[in-house]
Amino acid sequence: MIYQRIKIFVILGALAGCSAVQQKVEMDASAAAMIAANAGDAAGAACFKALEPVVGTPPAGLLSKFEVARAGQIVIEDGPCAPLAAGLFLHLLNKIPGTP
């Protein structure tokens, strides 16, 4: 149940950003992949590389927003981010003000 809420917050956060924010998020995903690769964390590097196109593509309309959410869900649940998702999202939730 917590995982579903985390996933919803992540998807809504990705959909709510403007293009400048999305560019920074894409650059952050790229930097995170580089840091993980340099540290020898192959799982982290694969996860962040898989997230780059999802968070870096600004949705143009309803269908593209749906596809961003669907692609993000696939990467997180079944893709290379599955082993890292729970710890990563709990860390991110701790950074959001007002989150219980």
PDB file of N, CA and C in Angstrom:
ATOM      1  N   MET A   1       0.818  -1.178   0.000  1.00  0.00           N
ATOM      2  CA  MET A   1       0.000   0.000   0.000  1.00  0.00           C
ATOM      3  C   MET A   1       0.873   1.257   0.000  1.00  0.00           C
ATOM      4  N   ILE A   2       1.920   1.249   0.812  1.00  0.00           N
ATOM      5  CA  ILE A   2       2.832   2.390   0.840  1.00  0.00           C
ATOM      6  C   ILE A   2       3.525   2.517  -0.507  1.00  0.00           C
ATOM      7  N   TYR A   3       3.905   1.374  -1.085  1.00  0.00           N
ATOM      8  CA  TYR A   3       4.580   1.395  -2.378  1.00  0.00           C
ATOM      9  C   TYR A   3       3.685   2.014  -3.453  1.00  0.00           C
ATOM     10  N   GLN A   4       2.388   1.710  -3.429  1.00  0.00           N
ATOM     11  CA  GLN A   4       1.463   2.274  -4.411  1.00  0.00           C
ATOM     12  C   GLN A   4       1.366   3.793  -4.248  1.00  0.00           C
ATOM     13  N   ARG A   5       1.318   4.259  -3.002  1.00  0.00           N
ATOM     14  CA  ARG A   5       1.265   5.703  -2.763  1.00  0.00           C
ATOM     15  C   ARG A   5       2.542   6.379  -3.227  1.00  0.00           C
ATOM     16  N   ILE A   6       3.668   5.750  -2.953  1.00  0.00           N
ATOM     17  CA  ILE A   6       4.947   6.300  -3.383  1.00  0.00           C
ATOM     18  C   ILE A   6       4.977   6.407  -4.895  1.00  0.00           C
ATOM     19  N   LYS A   7       4.537   5.355  -5.555  1.00  0.00           N
ATOM     20  CA  LYS A   7       4.526   5.328  -7.021  1.00  0.00           C
ATOM     21  C   LYS A   7       3.634   6.441  -7.565  1.00  0.00           C
ATOM     22  N   ILE A   8       2.477   6.643  -6.956  1.00  0.00           N
ATOM     23  CA  ILE A   8       1.567   7.689  -7.416  1.00  0.00           C
ATOM     24  C   ILE A   8       2.205   9.067  -7.242  1.00  0.00           C
ATOM     25  N   PHE A   9       2.853   9.314  -6.080  1.00  0.00           N
ATOM     26  CA  PHE A   9       3.518  10.590  -5.867  1.00  0.00           C
ATOM     27  C   PHE A   9       4.628  10.821  -6.888  1.00  0.00           C
ATOM     28  N   VAL A  10       5.381   9.785  -7.194  1.00  0.00           N
ATOM     29  CA  VAL A  10       6.470   9.918  -8.164  1.00  0.00           C
ATOM     30  C   VAL A  10       5.911  10.234  -9.550  1.00  0.00           C
ATOM     31  N   ILE A  11       4.870   9.533  -9.937  1.00  0.00           N
ATOM     32  CA  ILE A  11       4.280   9.761 -11.258  1.00  0.00           C
ATOM     33  C   ILE A  11       3.679  11.157 -11.341  1.00  0.00           C
ATOM     34  N   LEU A  12       2.951  11.564 -10.308  1.00  0.00           N
ATOM     35  CA  LEU A  12       2.375  12.916 -10.313  1.00  0.00           C
ATOM     36  C   LEU A  12       3.460  13.984 -10.313  1.00  0.00           C
ATOM     37  N   GLY A  13       4.528  13.728  -9.579  1.00  0.00           N
ATOM     38  CA  GLY A  13       5.638  14.679  -9.567  1.00  0.00           C
ATOM     39  C   GLY A  13       6.276  14.819 -10.939  1.00  0.00           C
ATOM     40  N   ALA A  14       6.416  13.697 -11.635  1.00  0.00           N
ATOM     41  CA  ALA A  14       6.998  13.735 -12.980  1.00  0.00           C
ATOM     42  C   ALA A  14       6.088  14.469 -13.951  1.00  0.00           C
ATOM     43  N   LEU A  15       4.772  14.315 -13.779  1.00  0.00           N
ATOM     44  CA  LEU A  15       3.836  14.965 -14.695  1.00  0.00           C
ATOM     45  C   LEU A  15       3.662  16.449 -14.405  1.00  0.00           C
ATOM     46  N   ALA A  16       3.925  16.866 -13.179  1.00  0.00           N
ATOM     47  CA  ALA A  16       3.651  18.247 -12.791  1.00  0.00           C
ATOM     48  C   ALA A  16       4.753  19.227 -13.190  1.00  0.00           C
ATOM     49  N   GLY A  17       5.928  18.752 -13.539  1.00  0.00           N
ATOM     50  CA  GLY A  17       7.060  19.642 -13.802  1.00  0.00           C
ATOM     51  C   GLY A  17       6.949  20.409 -15.101  1.00  0.00           C
ATOM     52  N   CYS A  18       7.549  21.592 -15.131  1.00  0.00           N
ATOM     53  CA  CYS A  18       7.635  22.349 -16.371  1.00  0.00           C
ATOM     54  C   CYS A  18       8.897  21.921 -17.119  1.00  0.00           C
ATOM     55  N   SER A  19       9.129  22.461 -18.299  1.00  0.00           N
ATOM     56  CA  SER A  19      10.255  21.992 -19.109  1.00  0.00           C
ATOM     57  C   SER A  19      11.604  22.282 -18.452  1.00  0.00           C
ATOM     58  N   ALA A  20      11.749  23.408 -17.773  1.00  0.00           N
ATOM     59  CA  ALA A  20      13.020  23.715 -17.103  1.00  0.00           C
ATOM     60  C   ALA A  20      13.281  22.727 -15.980  1.00  0.00           C
ATOM     61  N   VAL A  21      12.251  22.406 -15.235  1.00  0.00           N
ATOM     62  CA  VAL A  21      12.393  21.433 -14.160  1.00  0.00           C
ATOM     63  C   VAL A  21      12.695  20.058 -14.744  1.00  0.00           C
ATOM     64  N   GLN A  22      12.011  19.701 -15.824  1.00  0.00           N
ATOM     65  CA  GLN A  22      12.251  18.399 -16.441  1.00  0.00           C
ATOM     66  C   GLN A  22      13.674  18.292 -16.973  1.00  0.00           C
ATOM     67  N   GLN A  23      14.212  19.374 -17.512  1.00  0.00           N
ATOM     68  CA  GLN A  23      15.590  19.347 -17.989  1.00  0.00           C
ATOM     69  C   GLN A  23      16.545  19.119 -16.818  1.00  0.00           C
ATOM     70  N   LYS A  24      16.286  19.777 -15.694  1.00  0.00           N
ATOM     71  CA  LYS A  24      17.127  19.571 -14.518  1.00  0.00           C
ATOM     72  C   LYS A  24      16.994  18.149 -13.992  1.00  0.00           C
ATOM     73  N   VAL A  25      15.782  17.604 -14.024  1.00  0.00           N
ATOM     74  CA  VAL A  25      15.569  16.235 -13.561  1.00  0.00           C
ATOM     75  C   VAL A  25      16.298  15.256 -14.472  1.00  0.00           C
ATOM     76  N   GLU A  26      16.234  15.498 -15.783  1.00  0.00           N
ATOM     77  CA  GLU A  26      16.949  14.630 -16.721  1.00  0.00           C
ATOM     78  C   GLU A  26      18.457  14.713 -16.481  1.00  0.00           C
ATOM     79  N   MET A  27      18.966  15.926 -16.272  1.00  0.00           N
ATOM     80  CA  MET A  27      20.396  16.081 -15.991  1.00  0.00           C
ATOM     81  C   MET A  27      20.754  15.390 -14.681  1.00  0.00           C
ATOM     82  N   ASP A  28      19.853  15.460 -13.693  1.00  0.00           N
ATOM     83  CA  ASP A  28      20.087  14.804 -12.413  1.00  0.00           C
ATOM     84  C   ASP A  28      20.113  13.288 -12.584  1.00  0.00           C
ATOM     85  N   ALA A  29      19.215  12.745 -13.387  1.00  0.00           N
ATOM     86  CA  ALA A  29      19.210  11.304 -13.640  1.00  0.00           C
ATOM     87  C   ALA A  29      20.496  10.881 -14.334  1.00  0.00           C
ATOM     88  N   SER A  30      20.964  11.702 -15.267  1.00  0.00           N
ATOM     89  CA  SER A  30      22.213  11.411 -15.960  1.00  0.00           C
ATOM     90  C   SER A  30      23.398  11.465 -14.997  1.00  0.00           C
ATOM     91  N   ALA A  31      23.415  12.476 -14.134  1.00  0.00           N
ATOM     92  CA  ALA A  31      24.497  12.593 -13.154  1.00  0.00           C
ATOM     93  C   ALA A  31      24.456  11.433 -12.163  1.00  0.00           C
ATOM     94  N   ALA A  32      23.261  11.049 -11.743  1.00  0.00           N
ATOM     95  CA  ALA A  32      23.122   9.925 -10.808  1.00  0.00           C
ATOM     96  C   ALA A  32      23.618   8.629 -11.446  1.00  0.00           C
ATOM     97  N   ALA A  33      23.326   8.439 -12.734  1.00  0.00           N
ATOM     98  CA  ALA A  33      23.810   7.245 -13.439  1.00  0.00           C
ATOM     99  C   ALA A  33      25.328   7.240 -13.501  1.00  0.00           C
ATOM    100  N   MET A  34      25.930   8.404 -13.750  1.00  0.00           N
ATOM    101  CA  MET A  34      27.384   8.496 -13.819  1.00  0.00           C
ATOM    102  C   MET A  34      28.012   8.220 -12.445  1.00  0.00           C
ATOM    103  N   ILE A  35      27.421   8.797 -11.396  1.00  0.00           N
ATOM    104  CA  ILE A  35      27.941   8.567 -10.042  1.00  0.00           C
ATOM    105  C   ILE A  35      27.849   7.087  -9.683  1.00  0.00           C
ATOM    106  N   ALA A  36      26.714   6.470  -9.985  1.00  0.00           N
ATOM    107  CA  ALA A  36      26.535   5.050  -9.684  1.00  0.00           C
ATOM    108  C   ALA A  36      27.534   4.195 -10.454  1.00  0.00           C
ATOM    109  N   ALA A  37      27.741   4.510 -11.719  1.00  0.00           N
ATOM    110  CA  ALA A  37      28.697   3.748 -12.527  1.00  0.00           C
ATOM    111  C   ALA A  37      30.112   3.905 -11.990  1.00  0.00           C
ATOM    112  N   ASN A  38      30.484   5.125 -11.631  1.00  0.00           N
ATOM    113  CA  ASN A  38      31.821   5.373 -11.085  1.00  0.00           C
ATOM    114  C   ASN A  38      32.034   4.684  -9.745  1.00  0.00           C
ATOM    115  N   ALA A  39      30.957   4.511  -8.986  1.00  0.00           N
ATOM    116  CA  ALA A  39      31.048   3.857  -7.682  1.00  0.00           C
ATOM    117  C   ALA A  39      30.963   2.332  -7.793  1.00  0.00           C
ATOM    118  N   GLY A  40      30.757   1.832  -9.006  1.00  0.00           N
ATOM    119  CA  GLY A  40      30.656   0.390  -9.199  1.00  0.00           C
ATOM    120  C   GLY A  40      29.270  -0.169  -8.927  1.00  0.00           C
ATOM    121  N   ASP A  41      28.279   0.698  -8.841  1.00  0.00           N
ATOM    122  CA  ASP A  41      26.897   0.276  -8.593  1.00  0.00           C
ATOM    123  C   ASP A  41      26.197   0.068  -9.929  1.00  0.00           C
ATOM    124  N   ALA A  42      26.315  -1.131 -10.460  1.00  0.00           N
ATOM    125  CA  ALA A  42      25.743  -1.426 -11.778  1.00  0.00           C
ATOM    126  C   ALA A  42      24.223  -1.332 -11.764  1.00  0.00           C
ATOM    127  N   ALA A  43      23.589  -1.780 -10.677  1.00  0.00           N
ATOM    128  CA  ALA A  43      22.120  -1.727 -10.598  1.00  0.00           C
ATOM    129  C   ALA A  43      21.635  -0.274 -10.573  1.00  0.00           C
ATOM    130  N   GLY A  44      22.316   0.576  -9.811  1.00  0.00           N
ATOM    131  CA  GLY A  44      21.941   1.990  -9.763  1.00  0.00           C
ATOM    132  C   GLY A  44      22.136   2.684 -11.099  1.00  0.00           C
ATOM    133  N   ALA A  45      23.251   2.398 -11.758  1.00  0.00           N
ATOM    134  CA  ALA A  45      23.511   3.005 -13.064  1.00  0.00           C
ATOM    135  C   ALA A  45      22.452   2.593 -14.082  1.00  0.00           C
ATOM    136  N   ALA A  46      22.077   1.321 -14.085  1.00  0.00           N
ATOM    137  CA  ALA A  46      21.057   0.840 -15.025  1.00  0.00           C
ATOM    138  C   ALA A  46      19.703   1.485 -14.734  1.00  0.00           C
ATOM    139  N   CYS A  47      19.388   1.625 -13.459  1.00  0.00           N
ATOM    140  CA  CYS A  47      18.106   2.236 -13.075  1.00  0.00           C
ATOM    141  C   CYS A  47      18.028   3.683 -13.551  1.00  0.00           C
ATOM    142  N   PHE A  48      19.044   4.468 -13.231  1.00  0.00           N
ATOM    143  CA  PHE A  48      18.994   5.884 -13.591  1.00  0.00           C
ATOM    144  C   PHE A  48      19.086   6.096 -15.094  1.00  0.00           C
ATOM    145  N   LYS A  49      19.827   5.244 -15.789  1.00  0.00           N
ATOM    146  CA  LYS A  49      19.861   5.323 -17.263  1.00  0.00           C
ATOM    147  C   LYS A  49      18.482   5.040 -17.844  1.00  0.00           C
ATOM    148  N   ALA A  50      17.758   4.072 -17.260  1.00  0.00           N
ATOM    149  CA  ALA A  50      16.414   3.743 -17.743  1.00  0.00           C
ATOM    150  C   ALA A  50      15.423   4.866 -17.444  1.00  0.00           C
ATOM    151  N   LEU A  51      15.642   5.615 -16.373  1.00  0.00           N
ATOM    152  CA  LEU A  51      14.741   6.712 -16.018  1.00  0.00           C
ATOM    153  C   LEU A  51      14.964   7.970 -16.842  1.00  0.00           C
ATOM    154  N   GLU A  52      16.143   8.137 -17.418  1.00  0.00           N
ATOM    155  CA  GLU A  52      16.459   9.364 -18.167  1.00  0.00           C
ATOM    156  C   GLU A  52      15.422   9.704 -19.241  1.00  0.00           C
ATOM    157  N   PRO A  53      15.081   8.789 -20.157  1.00  0.00           N
ATOM    158  CA  PRO A  53      14.111   9.172 -21.186  1.00  0.00           C
ATOM    159  C   PRO A  53      12.703   9.401 -20.631  1.00  0.00           C
ATOM    160  N   VAL A  54      12.377   8.733 -19.534  1.00  0.00           N
ATOM    161  CA  VAL A  54      11.043   8.892 -18.954  1.00  0.00           C
ATOM    162  C   VAL A  54      10.888  10.271 -18.331  1.00  0.00           C
ATOM    163  N   VAL A  55      11.860  10.690 -17.530  1.00  0.00           N
ATOM    164  CA  VAL A  55      11.752  11.988 -16.853  1.00  0.00           C
ATOM    165  C   VAL A  55      12.190  13.145 -17.739  1.00  0.00           C
ATOM    166  N   GLY A  56      12.897  12.869 -18.822  1.00  0.00           N
ATOM    167  CA  GLY A  56      13.408  13.934 -19.678  1.00  0.00           C
ATOM    168  C   GLY A  56      12.521  14.292 -20.841  1.00  0.00           C
ATOM    169  N   THR A  57      11.421  13.596 -21.028  1.00  0.00           N
ATOM    170  CA  THR A  57      10.527  13.864 -22.150  1.00  0.00           C
ATOM    171  C   THR A  57       9.299  14.612 -21.644  1.00  0.00           C
ATOM    172  N   PRO A  58       9.156  15.880 -22.008  1.00  0.00           N
ATOM    173  CA  PRO A  58       7.990  16.624 -21.529  1.00  0.00           C
ATOM    174  C   PRO A  58       6.706  16.140 -22.214  1.00  0.00           C
ATOM    175  N   PRO A  59       5.686  15.809 -21.431  1.00  0.00           N
ATOM    176  CA  PRO A  59       4.430  15.366 -22.040  1.00  0.00           C
ATOM    177  C   PRO A  59       3.726  16.539 -22.723  1.00  0.00           C
ATOM    178  N   ALA A  60       3.171  16.272 -23.907  1.00  0.00           N
ATOM    179  CA  ALA A  60       2.526  17.329 -24.682  1.00  0.00           C
ATOM    180  C   ALA A  60       1.016  17.362 -24.462  1.00  0.00           C
ATOM    181  N   GLY A  61       0.440  16.258 -24.099  1.00  0.00           N
ATOM    182  CA  GLY A  61      -1.008  16.188 -23.914  1.00  0.00           C
ATOM    183  C   GLY A  61      -1.369  15.021 -23.023  1.00  0.00           C
ATOM    184  N   LEU A  62      -2.639  14.724 -22.995  1.00  0.00           N
ATOM    185  CA  LEU A  62      -3.144  13.684 -22.108  1.00  0.00           C
ATOM    186  C   LEU A  62      -2.542  12.310 -22.416  1.00  0.00           C
ATOM    187  N   LEU A  63      -2.481  11.948 -23.678  1.00  0.00           N
ATOM    188  CA  LEU A  63      -1.953  10.623 -24.028  1.00  0.00           C
ATOM    189  C   LEU A  63      -0.465  10.508 -23.713  1.00  0.00           C
ATOM    190  N   SER A  64       0.288  11.561 -23.960  1.00  0.00           N
ATOM    191  CA  SER A  64       1.715  11.489 -23.648  1.00  0.00           C
ATOM    192  C   SER A  64       1.929  11.480 -22.131  1.00  0.00           C
ATOM    193  N   LYS A  65       1.075  12.156 -21.370  1.00  0.00           N
ATOM    194  CA  LYS A  65       1.166  12.093 -19.913  1.00  0.00           C
ATOM    195  C   LYS A  65       0.879  10.674 -19.430  1.00  0.00           C
ATOM    196  N   PHE A  66      -0.107  10.045 -20.038  1.00  0.00           N
ATOM    197  CA  PHE A  66      -0.417   8.663 -19.692  1.00  0.00           C
ATOM    198  C   PHE A  66       0.764   7.756 -20.013  1.00  0.00           C
ATOM    199  N   GLU A  67       1.388   7.960 -21.152  1.00  0.00           N
ATOM    200  CA  GLU A  67       2.521   7.117 -21.542  1.00  0.00           C
ATOM    201  C   GLU A  67       3.725   7.333 -20.627  1.00  0.00           C
ATOM    202  N   VAL A  68       3.968   8.570 -20.200  1.00  0.00           N
ATOM    203  CA  VAL A  68       5.051   8.835 -19.248  1.00  0.00           C
ATOM    204  C   VAL A  68       4.786   8.082 -17.951  1.00  0.00           C
ATOM    205  N   ALA A  69       3.544   8.135 -17.482  1.00  0.00           N
ATOM    206  CA  ALA A  69       3.192   7.426 -16.246  1.00  0.00           C
ATOM    207  C   ALA A  69       3.342   5.919 -16.430  1.00  0.00           C
ATOM    208  N   ARG A  70       2.896   5.396 -17.566  1.00  0.00           N
ATOM    209  CA  ARG A  70       2.975   3.958 -17.830  1.00  0.00           C
ATOM    210  C   ARG A  70       4.424   3.509 -17.976  1.00  0.00           C
ATOM    211  N   ALA A  71       5.209   4.263 -18.708  1.00  0.00           N
ATOM    212  CA  ALA A  71       6.622   3.906 -18.889  1.00  0.00           C
ATOM    213  C   ALA A  71       7.373   3.970 -17.569  1.00  0.00           C
ATOM    214  N   GLY A  72       7.081   5.002 -16.775  1.00  0.00           N
ATOM    215  CA  GLY A  72       7.699   5.094 -15.456  1.00  0.00           C
ATOM    216  C   GLY A  72       7.340   3.925 -14.570  1.00  0.00           C
ATOM    217  N   GLN A  73       6.092   3.511 -14.627  1.00  0.00           N
ATOM    218  CA  GLN A  73       5.655   2.368 -13.828  1.00  0.00           C
ATOM    219  C   GLN A  73       6.359   1.089 -14.269  1.00  0.00           C
ATOM    220  N   ILE A  74       6.527   0.900 -15.554  1.00  0.00           N
ATOM    221  CA  ILE A  74       7.212  -0.297 -16.062  1.00  0.00           C
ATOM    222  C   ILE A  74       8.668  -0.315 -15.610  1.00  0.00           C
ATOM    223  N   VAL A  75       9.354   0.824 -15.739  1.00  0.00           N
ATOM    224  CA  VAL A  75      10.760   0.901 -15.341  1.00  0.00           C
ATOM    225  C   VAL A  75      10.911   0.641 -13.849  1.00  0.00           C
ATOM    226  N   ILE A  76       9.987   1.183 -13.070  1.00  0.00           N
ATOM    227  CA  ILE A  76      10.082   1.065 -11.616  1.00  0.00           C
ATOM    228  C   ILE A  76       9.684  -0.327 -11.134  1.00  0.00           C
ATOM    229  N   GLU A  77       8.596  -0.871 -11.652  1.00  0.00           N
ATOM    230  CA  GLU A  77       8.091  -2.141 -11.138  1.00  0.00           C
ATOM    231  C   GLU A  77       8.791  -3.360 -11.732  1.00  0.00           C
ATOM    232  N   ASP A  78       8.993  -3.355 -13.036  1.00  0.00           N
ATOM    233  CA  ASP A  78       9.500  -4.545 -13.713  1.00  0.00           C
ATOM    234  C   ASP A  78      10.879  -4.365 -14.324  1.00  0.00           C
ATOM    235  N   GLY A  79      11.335  -3.140 -14.406  1.00  0.00           N
ATOM    236  CA  GLY A  79      12.597  -2.863 -15.075  1.00  0.00           C
ATOM    237  C   GLY A  79      13.778  -2.840 -14.131  1.00  0.00           C
ATOM    238  N   PRO A  80      14.829  -2.163 -14.548  1.00  0.00           N
ATOM    239  CA  PRO A  80      16.065  -2.159 -13.770  1.00  0.00           C
ATOM    240  C   PRO A  80      15.964  -1.430 -12.433  1.00  0.00           C
ATOM    241  N   CYS A  81      14.905  -0.663 -12.210  1.00  0.00           N
ATOM    242  CA  CYS A  81      14.771   0.055 -10.942  1.00  0.00           C
ATOM    243  C   CYS A  81      14.072  -0.758  -9.855  1.00  0.00           C
ATOM    244  N   ALA A  82      13.545  -1.898 -10.210  1.00  0.00           N
ATOM    245  CA  ALA A  82      12.788  -2.694  -9.234  1.00  0.00           C
ATOM    246  C   ALA A  82      13.585  -2.985  -7.959  1.00  0.00           C
ATOM    247  N   PRO A  83      14.858  -3.379  -8.043  1.00  0.00           N
ATOM    248  CA  PRO A  83      15.581  -3.662  -6.796  1.00  0.00           C
ATOM    249  C   PRO A  83      15.865  -2.415  -5.949  1.00  0.00           C
ATOM    250  N   LEU A  84      15.870  -1.252  -6.567  1.00  0.00           N
ATOM    251  CA  LEU A  84      16.230  -0.023  -5.864  1.00  0.00           C
ATOM    252  C   LEU A  84      15.034   0.837  -5.469  1.00  0.00           C
ATOM    253  N   ALA A  85      13.873   0.537  -6.020  1.00  0.00           N
ATOM    254  CA  ALA A  85      12.729   1.446  -5.925  1.00  0.00           C
ATOM    255  C   ALA A  85      12.308   1.757  -4.495  1.00  0.00           C
ATOM    256  N   ALA A  86      12.142   0.770  -3.670  1.00  0.00           N
ATOM    257  CA  ALA A  86      11.603   1.013  -2.327  1.00  0.00           C
ATOM    258  C   ALA A  86      12.503   1.949  -1.521  1.00  0.00           C
ATOM    259  N   GLY A  87      13.783   1.661  -1.465  1.00  0.00           N
ATOM    260  CA  GLY A  87      14.696   2.512  -0.706  1.00  0.00           C
ATOM    261  C   GLY A  87      14.807   3.907  -1.285  1.00  0.00           C
ATOM    262  N   LEU A  88      14.854   4.006  -2.606  1.00  0.00           N
ATOM    263  CA  LEU A  88      14.962   5.304  -3.264  1.00  0.00           C
ATOM    264  C   LEU A  88      13.741   6.157  -3.001  1.00  0.00           C
ATOM    265  N   PHE A  89      12.562   5.599  -3.138  1.00  0.00           N
ATOM    266  CA  PHE A  89      11.353   6.387  -2.983  1.00  0.00           C
ATOM    267  C   PHE A  89      11.081   6.757  -1.532  1.00  0.00           C
ATOM    268  N   LEU A  90      11.454   5.904  -0.612  1.00  0.00           N
ATOM    269  CA  LEU A  90      11.331   6.288   0.796  1.00  0.00           C
ATOM    270  C   LEU A  90      12.262   7.452   1.108  1.00  0.00           C
ATOM    271  N   HIS A  91      13.448   7.437   0.541  1.00  0.00           N
ATOM    272  CA  HIS A  91      14.379   8.554   0.721  1.00  0.00           C
ATOM    273  C   HIS A  91      13.797   9.835   0.124  1.00  0.00           C
ATOM    274  N   LEU A  92      13.221   9.740  -1.067  1.00  0.00           N
ATOM    275  CA  LEU A  92      12.635  10.918  -1.717  1.00  0.00           C
ATOM    276  C   LEU A  92      11.443  11.442  -0.933  1.00  0.00           C
ATOM    277  N   LEU A  93      10.626  10.550  -0.418  1.00  0.00           N
ATOM    278  CA  LEU A  93       9.458  10.988   0.364  1.00  0.00           C
ATOM    279  C   LEU A  93       9.880  11.734   1.626  1.00  0.00           C
ATOM    280  N   ASN A  94      10.986  11.341   2.208  1.00  0.00           N
ATOM    281  CA  ASN A  94      11.476  12.035   3.405  1.00  0.00           C
ATOM    282  C   ASN A  94      11.870  13.477   3.081  1.00  0.00           C
ATOM    283  N   LYS A  95      12.153  13.773   1.815  1.00  0.00           N
ATOM    284  CA  LYS A  95      12.564  15.113   1.404  1.00  0.00           C
ATOM    285  C   LYS A  95      11.381  16.019   1.064  1.00  0.00           C
ATOM    286  N   ILE A  96      10.182  15.451   0.922  1.00  0.00           N
ATOM    287  CA  ILE A  96       9.000  16.230   0.544  1.00  0.00           C
ATOM    288  C   ILE A  96       8.351  16.790   1.813  1.00  0.00           C
ATOM    289  N   PRO A  97       8.246  18.102   1.927  1.00  0.00           N
ATOM    290  CA  PRO A  97       7.631  18.692   3.114  1.00  0.00           C
ATOM    291  C   PRO A  97       6.167  18.281   3.254  1.00  0.00           C
ATOM    292  N   GLY A  98       5.767  17.993   4.474  1.00  0.00           N
ATOM    293  CA  GLY A  98       4.378  17.652   4.746  1.00  0.00           C
ATOM    294  C   GLY A  98       4.032  16.204   4.540  1.00  0.00           C
ATOM    295  N   THR A  99       4.988  15.387   4.126  1.00  0.00           N
ATOM    296  CA  THR A  99       4.725  13.964   3.926  1.00  0.00           C
ATOM    297  C   THR A  99       4.824  13.253   5.270  1.00  0.00           C
ATOM    298  N   PRO A 100       3.820  12.458   5.623  1.00  0.00           N
ATOM    299  CA  PRO A 100       3.869  11.780   6.927  1.00  0.00           C
ATOM    300  C   PRO A 100       4.971  10.747   7.009  1.00  0.00           C
TER     301      PRO A 100
END
